[in-house]
Amino acid sequence: MVPLRGSPYKASFNSKAKAADNTMIGGIMAKYITKELEGLNTSFAETKKNISTKDKESLKDVKTLLKIKEKTEQTLNS
């Protein structure tokens, strides 16, 4: 093994790993993608709820406006 040029990461291998988990469509990748999609769905739902002005008591409330601004910026920077 040699270091990955320009990378702070080091490659490691496990001889007991399943061969199918080393493919791009293996079980490990499927679990990772599912977890990431669930996280995105949660983030989208929270953002939608927080930026919605429909149920806000008062848009003059600074905390409400700041939360809307924060969630909008998080979405744009993601």
Protein backbone atom coordinates (compact mmCIF):
# COMPACT_ATOMS: atom_id res chain seq x y z
CA MET A 1 0.00 0.00 0.00
CA VAL A 2 1.09 3.55 -0.73
CA PRO A 3 -0.40 6.87 0.41
CA LEU A 4 -3.06 8.43 -1.76
CA ARG A 5 -1.25 11.34 -3.39
CA GLY A 6 -2.54 14.71 -2.14
CA SER A 7 -5.10 13.13 0.17
CA PRO A 8 -5.23 13.29 3.95
CA TYR A 9 -6.81 9.80 3.94
CA LYS A 10 -5.09 6.46 4.01
CA ALA A 11 -6.45 3.41 2.28
CA SER A 12 -7.13 0.36 4.40
CA PHE A 13 -8.45 -3.06 3.59
CA ASN A 14 -10.18 -5.83 5.47
CA SER A 15 -9.70 -9.37 4.23
CA LYS A 16 -12.97 -10.41 5.92
CA ALA A 17 -15.09 -7.89 3.98
CA LYS A 18 -17.68 -9.29 1.59
CA ALA A 19 -16.70 -9.00 -2.06
CA ALA A 20 -20.19 -7.68 -2.93
CA ASP A 21 -19.67 -4.72 -0.57
CA ASN A 22 -16.77 -3.54 -2.71
CA THR A 23 -18.94 -2.80 -5.72
CA MET A 24 -20.64 0.52 -6.43
CA ILE A 25 -24.02 -1.19 -6.06
CA GLY A 26 -23.09 -3.31 -3.06
CA GLY A 27 -24.92 -3.44 0.26
CA ILE A 28 -22.71 -0.88 1.98
CA MET A 29 -23.29 1.70 -0.78
CA ALA A 30 -27.05 1.07 -0.74
CA LYS A 31 -27.14 1.65 3.03
CA TYR A 32 -25.07 4.83 2.67
CA ILE A 33 -27.30 6.23 -0.07
CA THR A 34 -30.46 5.40 1.90
CA LYS A 35 -29.06 7.14 4.99
CA GLU A 36 -28.04 10.23 2.99
CA LEU A 37 -31.47 10.44 1.31
CA GLU A 38 -33.23 10.19 4.67
CA GLY A 39 -31.02 13.00 5.98
CA LEU A 40 -31.82 15.17 2.96
CA ASN A 41 -35.55 14.54 3.32
CA THR A 42 -35.39 15.50 6.99
CA SER A 43 -33.40 18.63 6.19
CA PHE A 44 -35.82 19.64 3.41
CA ALA A 45 -38.84 19.10 5.66
CA GLU A 46 -37.31 21.16 8.49
CA THR A 47 -36.29 23.92 6.09
CA LYS A 48 -39.72 24.02 4.48
CA LYS A 49 -41.35 24.24 7.90
CA ASN A 50 -39.00 26.96 9.12
CA ILE A 51 -39.15 29.18 6.05
CA SER A 52 -42.91 28.95 5.66
CA THR A 53 -44.56 32.23 6.65
CA LYS A 54 -48.09 30.83 6.52
CA ASP A 55 -48.38 29.83 10.17
CA LYS A 56 -46.06 32.42 11.67
CA GLU A 57 -47.79 34.60 14.25
CA SER A 58 -45.99 37.75 13.28
CA LEU A 59 -43.42 38.46 10.64
CA LYS A 60 -42.43 41.47 12.73
CA ASP A 61 -40.89 39.09 15.28
CA VAL A 62 -37.12 39.31 14.78
CA LYS A 63 -36.49 35.72 15.91
CA THR A 64 -38.94 34.41 13.30
CA LEU A 65 -37.29 36.43 10.56
CA LEU A 66 -33.81 35.35 11.63
CA LYS A 67 -34.82 31.68 11.59
CA ILE A 68 -36.26 32.07 8.09
CA LYS A 69 -33.05 33.80 6.96
CA GLU A 70 -30.83 31.15 8.57
CA LYS A 71 -32.66 28.21 6.99
CA THR A 72 -32.72 29.90 3.59
CA GLU A 73 -28.96 30.50 3.76
CA GLN A 74 -28.31 26.90 4.87
CA THR A 75 -30.27 25.63 1.90
CA LEU A 76 -28.45 27.88 -0.55
CA ASN A 77 -25.03 26.94 0.83
CA SER A 78 -25.64 23.18 0.86
